[in-house]
Structures are given as structure tokens and as C-alpha cells.
Protein backbone atom coordinates (compact mmCIF):
# COMPACT_ATOMS: atom_id res chain seq x y z
CA UNK A 1 6.24 8.23 9.94
CA UNK A 2 5.29 8.55 6.45
CA UNK A 3 1.89 9.53 5.09
CA UNK A 4 0.54 9.34 1.18
CA UNK A 5 -2.65 10.33 -0.25
CA UNK A 6 -3.03 7.84 -3.19
CA UNK A 7 -5.46 6.76 -5.82
CA UNK A 8 -7.73 3.77 -4.41
CA UNK A 9 -5.62 0.98 -5.14
CA UNK A 10 -7.36 -1.75 -7.98
CA UNK A 11 -8.82 -5.04 -6.57
CA UNK A 12 -6.01 -8.00 -6.25
CA UNK A 13 -8.70 -9.56 -8.42
CA UNK A 14 -8.33 -6.97 -11.32
CA UNK A 15 -4.25 -6.48 -11.33
CA UNK A 16 -3.32 -9.62 -13.76
CA UNK A 17 -4.62 -10.93 -16.89
CA UNK A 18 -3.77 -13.99 -19.03
CA UNK A 19 -1.73 -13.35 -22.08
CA UNK A 20 -1.17 -16.85 -23.95
CA UNK A 21 0.65 -18.70 -21.61
CA UNK A 22 1.73 -15.84 -19.23
CA UNK A 23 0.10 -13.24 -17.04
CA UNK A 24 0.69 -9.98 -17.28
CA UNK A 25 -0.28 -6.62 -15.14
CA UNK A 26 -3.66 -5.49 -16.53
CA UNK A 27 -3.91 -1.89 -18.17
CA UNK A 28 -6.11 -0.42 -15.10
CA UNK A 29 -3.26 -1.96 -12.81
CA UNK A 30 -0.34 -0.31 -14.97
CA UNK A 31 -1.90 3.35 -15.13
CA UNK A 32 -2.64 3.17 -11.26
CA UNK A 33 1.00 2.23 -10.65
CA UNK A 34 1.87 5.14 -12.93
CA UNK A 35 -0.62 7.54 -11.48
CA UNK A 36 0.08 6.70 -7.84
CA UNK A 37 4.05 6.56 -8.48
CA UNK A 38 4.04 9.96 -9.37
CA UNK A 39 2.08 10.99 -6.52
CA UNK A 40 4.42 9.59 -4.15
CA UNK A 41 7.41 11.51 -5.81
CA UNK A 42 5.63 14.28 -5.44
CA UNK A 43 4.71 13.92 -1.69
CA UNK A 44 7.94 12.35 -0.12
CA UNK A 45 11.47 11.19 -0.63
CA UNK A 46 11.42 9.55 2.63
CA UNK A 47 12.22 5.74 3.01
CA UNK A 48 11.70 2.78 5.86
CA UNK A 49 14.51 0.50 6.07
CA UNK A 50 13.57 -2.21 8.57
CA UNK A 51 10.35 -3.56 9.93
CA UNK A 52 6.87 -0.95 9.42
CA UNK A 53 3.51 -1.20 10.28
CA UNK A 54 1.08 -0.14 7.40
CA UNK A 55 -2.28 1.80 7.90
CA UNK A 56 -4.60 2.41 5.03
CA UNK A 57 -7.71 4.60 5.23
CA UNK A 58 -9.83 4.13 1.82
CA UNK A 59 -13.21 5.73 0.44
CA UNK A 60 -15.80 2.68 -0.11
CA UNK A 61 -16.60 2.97 -3.83
CA UNK A 62 -19.69 0.46 -3.62
CA UNK A 63 -20.69 -2.02 -0.98
CA UNK A 64 -19.51 -5.30 -2.77
CA UNK A 65 -15.89 -4.33 -2.83
CA UNK A 66 -13.51 -6.36 -0.19
CA UNK A 67 -11.26 -3.98 1.76
CA UNK A 68 -8.60 -6.85 1.95
CA UNK A 69 -8.32 -6.46 -1.54
CA UNK A 70 -6.34 -2.99 -1.95
CA UNK A 71 -3.55 -4.26 0.05
CA UNK A 72 -1.52 -6.53 -1.95
CA UNK A 73 -1.11 -3.59 -4.78
CA UNK A 74 -0.35 -1.03 -2.32
CA UNK A 75 2.14 -2.85 -0.84
CA UNK A 76 3.74 -3.72 -3.97
CA UNK A 77 3.68 0.05 -4.97
CA UNK A 78 5.69 0.74 -1.88
CA UNK A 79 8.27 -1.52 -2.94
CA UNK A 80 8.83 -0.44 -6.56
CA UNK A 81 8.68 3.07 -5.53
CA UNK A 82 11.60 2.11 -2.72
CA UNK A 83 9.29 3.61 -0.05
CA UNK A 84 10.06 0.10 1.63
CA UNK A 85 12.58 -2.16 1.11
CA UNK A 86 10.48 -5.48 0.90
CA UNK A 87 6.65 -5.90 1.97
CA UNK A 88 7.95 -8.91 4.02
CA UNK A 89 9.07 -6.81 6.51
CA UNK A 90 5.72 -5.20 7.33
CA UNK A 91 5.06 -7.15 10.57
CA UNK A 92 1.53 -5.38 11.46
CA UNK A 93 -1.18 -4.06 8.88
CA UNK A 94 -4.51 -2.42 9.44
CA UNK A 95 -7.09 -1.26 6.58
CA UNK A 96 -10.69 0.66 7.00
CA UNK A 97 -12.95 2.28 4.85
CA UNK A 98 -13.20 6.08 6.01
CA UNK A 99 -16.61 7.41 7.29
CA UNK A 100 -15.45 10.66 5.29
CA UNK A 101 -12.41 11.51 3.49
CA UNK A 102 -11.46 14.20 0.62
CA UNK A 103 -8.87 11.75 -0.49
CA UNK A 104 -9.21 7.89 -2.45
CA UNK A 105 -7.01 6.57 -0.01
CA UNK A 106 -4.49 7.34 2.52
CA UNK A 107 -1.59 5.08 3.43
CA UNK A 108 0.43 5.58 6.67
CA UNK A 109 3.67 3.88 7.07
CA UNK A 110 5.07 3.64 10.99
CA UNK A 111 8.87 2.39 10.91
CA UNK A 112 9.22 -0.21 13.91
CA UNK A 113 12.52 -0.31 16.17
CA UNK A 114 14.40 -3.52 16.40
CA UNK A 115 12.68 -6.04 18.73
CA UNK A 116 12.74 -5.40 22.35
CA UNK A 117 13.51 -7.99 25.33
CA UNK A 118 10.26 -9.48 24.51
CA UNK A 119 10.68 -10.19 20.93
CA UNK A 120 8.04 -7.69 19.81
CA UNK A 121 8.70 -5.00 17.28
CA UNK A 122 7.85 -1.44 18.71
CA UNK A 123 6.45 1.51 17.20
CA UNK A 124 9.15 4.02 17.17
């Protein structure tokens, strides 16, 4: 299991901007990727090969923020930092707003064992 404390991911609505005819990463997204990337490097060198489950507990900054909008940026960060091989290997995910937390976002990754006889991934 890997647990990471990270800054709150930007909303999926704020990740990309149009520049002429191209889509580019927004300045906000680039800054978050850099800060969160350094935080991951300081916290772990562990990786997960294969399927995994992810749990995100985040501080709610405002009542209008959609919880599911933090998932994409977080998953893409984990791939870019090579914590996981590919976010397509995520077989389960859960996210919640923290009632109390000292961290903006806590990400827990749980490796999964190969499928059992019932073809269901099993938590390691």
C-alpha cells in the first residue's frame, strides 16, 4: 500500500486551455503537477505493477466543487511519476470529502492480487 499527501488536484475543467488550434496544459495544472510531483518524490519510491485500487480523501474548499473532478489529474500524475504503470489498471476507486484533515488530499493506492477463481481482483 502507498499513501501520499498531496495538494488538492485542480478540477478537470481547469486542466486544459485552447492555444490557437491546440490544447495545452493550463498554468494552474502545470504548477500543480510540478509541486505534487516533488511531493511524491519526497514521500516514496514505491511503485505498483499491475492492478490497483485508489482512495482519495480531500479537503473541500467550496460547496460547489465536484468531488469526481479531482480524479483525472490525480491519476495522470501517478502515471507520470511512475507510481503506477497505467491508470487503465485501476480496478476500483473511491473518493470522499474529508470531515477533518490536515492535508489537502490524501491518496491511498492498494495493489491488487491477480484474479481469483471468481474472476474478481483481490486486495493484497
